[in-house]
Amino acid sequence: MIGTIFVALVAVEHFYIMIMEMFMWTRPRTMKTFGTTPEFANSTKALAANQGLYNGFLAAGLIWGLLYPDSSVGLHIQIFFLACVIIAALYGGATSSRSIIIKQGLPAIIALLLVLFL
C-alpha cells in the first residue's frame, strides 16, 4: 500500500511539472521555481512545453501501472516508469540542476524500493 502511495505521489509530481512547463512557463511563480528570467522563459516556451509533455507521459505511465487490471503486469509497468523517472532525474541533475536529483529522483527511488521490496 505504501508503495502505491509513493508511486501516485511521483505521478502527481510529474503531472504538476507538466502543467508548469506546458501552460505556466512564463508566469512569475514558475520562472522563480525554475530560476529563469522573463526573456529566457519567452524564448524557450516551446521547448518547455515539449519537455512538459514528456513529464506528462511519465505521469500517465505511472498511473497506467497503478490501474492496470493485472497487478503483476501493473507492477512491471510501475518499475519501468519509475526507472525512466530516475534516469531522467540523473540526466537532468548532470546537465541542468543538481537539485533535480533530489526533487524528482529521490521520490522515484523511494517509490521503486518500496514497490520492489514491500
Protein backbone atom coordinates (compact mmCIF):
# COMPACT_ATOMS: atom_id res chain seq x y z
CA MET A 1 0.00 0.00 0.00
CA ILE A 2 2.76 2.50 0.87
CA GLY A 3 4.49 1.71 -2.44
CA THR A 4 1.26 2.55 -4.27
CA ILE A 5 1.05 5.86 -2.40
CA PHE A 6 4.62 6.78 -3.33
CA VAL A 7 4.10 5.82 -6.98
CA ALA A 8 0.98 8.00 -7.02
CA LEU A 9 2.92 10.89 -5.46
CA VAL A 10 5.62 10.63 -8.13
CA ALA A 11 2.89 10.63 -10.80
CA VAL A 12 1.25 13.72 -9.29
CA GLU A 13 4.62 15.48 -9.11
CA HIS A 14 5.26 14.84 -12.80
CA PHE A 15 1.75 15.84 -13.76
CA TYR A 16 2.31 19.13 -11.88
CA ILE A 17 5.65 19.64 -13.64
CA MET A 18 3.85 19.04 -16.95
CA ILE A 19 1.31 21.75 -16.10
CA MET A 20 4.05 24.23 -15.15
CA GLU A 21 6.16 23.55 -18.24
CA MET A 22 3.32 23.39 -20.76
CA PHE A 23 0.91 26.04 -19.53
CA MET A 24 2.57 28.24 -16.90
CA TRP A 25 6.16 28.55 -18.15
CA THR A 26 6.14 32.34 -18.41
CA ARG A 27 4.35 33.01 -15.12
CA PRO A 28 6.39 34.58 -12.31
CA ARG A 29 5.98 31.68 -9.87
CA THR A 30 7.10 29.12 -12.46
CA MET A 31 10.04 31.28 -13.52
CA LYS A 32 11.06 31.54 -9.86
CA THR A 33 10.72 27.76 -9.43
CA PHE A 34 12.96 27.06 -12.42
CA GLY A 35 15.26 30.05 -11.90
CA THR A 36 14.55 31.64 -15.28
CA THR A 37 14.17 35.22 -16.49
CA PRO A 38 11.20 36.51 -18.50
CA GLU A 39 13.40 36.72 -21.60
CA PHE A 40 14.61 33.15 -21.23
CA ALA A 41 11.12 31.86 -20.46
CA ASN A 42 9.66 33.54 -23.53
CA SER A 43 12.41 32.30 -25.82
CA THR A 44 12.17 28.71 -24.53
CA LYS A 45 8.39 28.39 -24.23
CA ALA A 46 8.08 25.78 -26.99
CA LEU A 47 10.99 23.75 -25.63
CA ALA A 48 9.50 23.80 -22.13
CA ALA A 49 6.12 22.67 -23.47
CA ASN A 50 7.82 19.74 -25.21
CA GLN A 51 9.64 18.84 -22.01
CA GLY A 52 6.37 19.12 -20.10
CA LEU A 53 4.73 16.68 -22.47
CA TYR A 54 7.40 14.10 -21.63
CA ASN A 55 6.76 14.63 -17.92
CA GLY A 56 3.08 14.05 -18.64
CA PHE A 57 3.93 10.75 -20.33
CA LEU A 58 5.88 9.68 -17.23
CA ALA A 59 2.90 10.53 -15.02
CA ALA A 60 0.50 8.73 -17.36
CA GLY A 61 2.70 5.63 -17.39
CA LEU A 62 2.82 5.52 -13.61
CA ILE A 63 -0.97 5.90 -13.36
CA TRP A 64 -1.36 3.19 -16.01
CA GLY A 65 0.80 0.89 -13.90
CA LEU A 66 -1.27 1.62 -10.80
CA LEU A 67 -4.59 0.99 -12.56
CA TYR A 68 -3.65 -1.95 -14.75
CA PRO A 69 -6.11 -4.80 -14.08
CA ASP A 70 -3.42 -7.48 -13.74
CA SER A 71 -1.40 -6.37 -10.71
CA SER A 72 1.72 -8.32 -11.69
CA VAL A 73 1.79 -6.60 -15.09
CA GLY A 74 0.97 -3.28 -13.40
CA LEU A 75 3.96 -3.77 -11.12
CA HIS A 76 6.27 -4.18 -14.11
CA ILE A 77 4.82 -1.05 -15.71
CA GLN A 78 5.43 0.89 -12.49
CA ILE A 79 9.02 -0.37 -12.30
CA PHE A 80 9.69 0.65 -15.90
CA PHE A 81 8.30 4.17 -15.50
CA LEU A 82 9.97 4.71 -12.13
CA ALA A 83 13.27 3.71 -13.75
CA CYS A 84 12.56 6.24 -16.52
CA VAL A 85 11.95 8.97 -13.93
CA ILE A 86 15.18 8.09 -12.11
CA ILE A 87 17.22 8.14 -15.32
CA ALA A 88 15.65 11.45 -16.35
CA ALA A 89 16.43 12.91 -12.90
CA LEU A 90 20.04 11.77 -13.09
CA TYR A 91 20.41 13.25 -16.56
CA GLY A 92 18.69 16.48 -15.51
CA GLY A 93 20.90 16.65 -12.44
CA ALA A 94 24.02 16.23 -14.54
CA THR A 95 23.04 18.68 -17.28
CA SER A 96 20.71 21.23 -15.72
CA SER A 97 20.42 21.43 -11.93
CA ARG A 98 21.66 19.02 -9.30
CA SER A 99 18.53 19.68 -7.25
CA ILE A 100 16.55 17.65 -9.81
CA ILE A 101 18.22 14.51 -8.45
CA ILE A 102 16.74 15.22 -5.02
CA LYS A 103 13.40 16.75 -6.05
CA GLN A 104 12.48 14.21 -8.72
CA GLY A 105 14.94 11.35 -8.41
CA LEU A 106 14.74 10.69 -4.68
CA PRO A 107 10.94 10.25 -4.53
CA ALA A 108 11.14 7.88 -7.52
CA ILE A 109 13.98 5.90 -5.91
CA ILE A 110 11.99 5.57 -2.69
CA ALA A 111 8.90 4.52 -4.65
CA LEU A 112 10.90 1.98 -6.63
CA LEU A 113 12.43 0.47 -3.49
CA LEU A 114 9.00 0.24 -1.86
CA VAL A 115 7.48 -1.36 -4.96
CA LEU A 116 10.32 -3.88 -5.22
CA PHE A 117 10.63 -4.84 -1.57
CA LEU A 118 7.20 -4.42 0.05
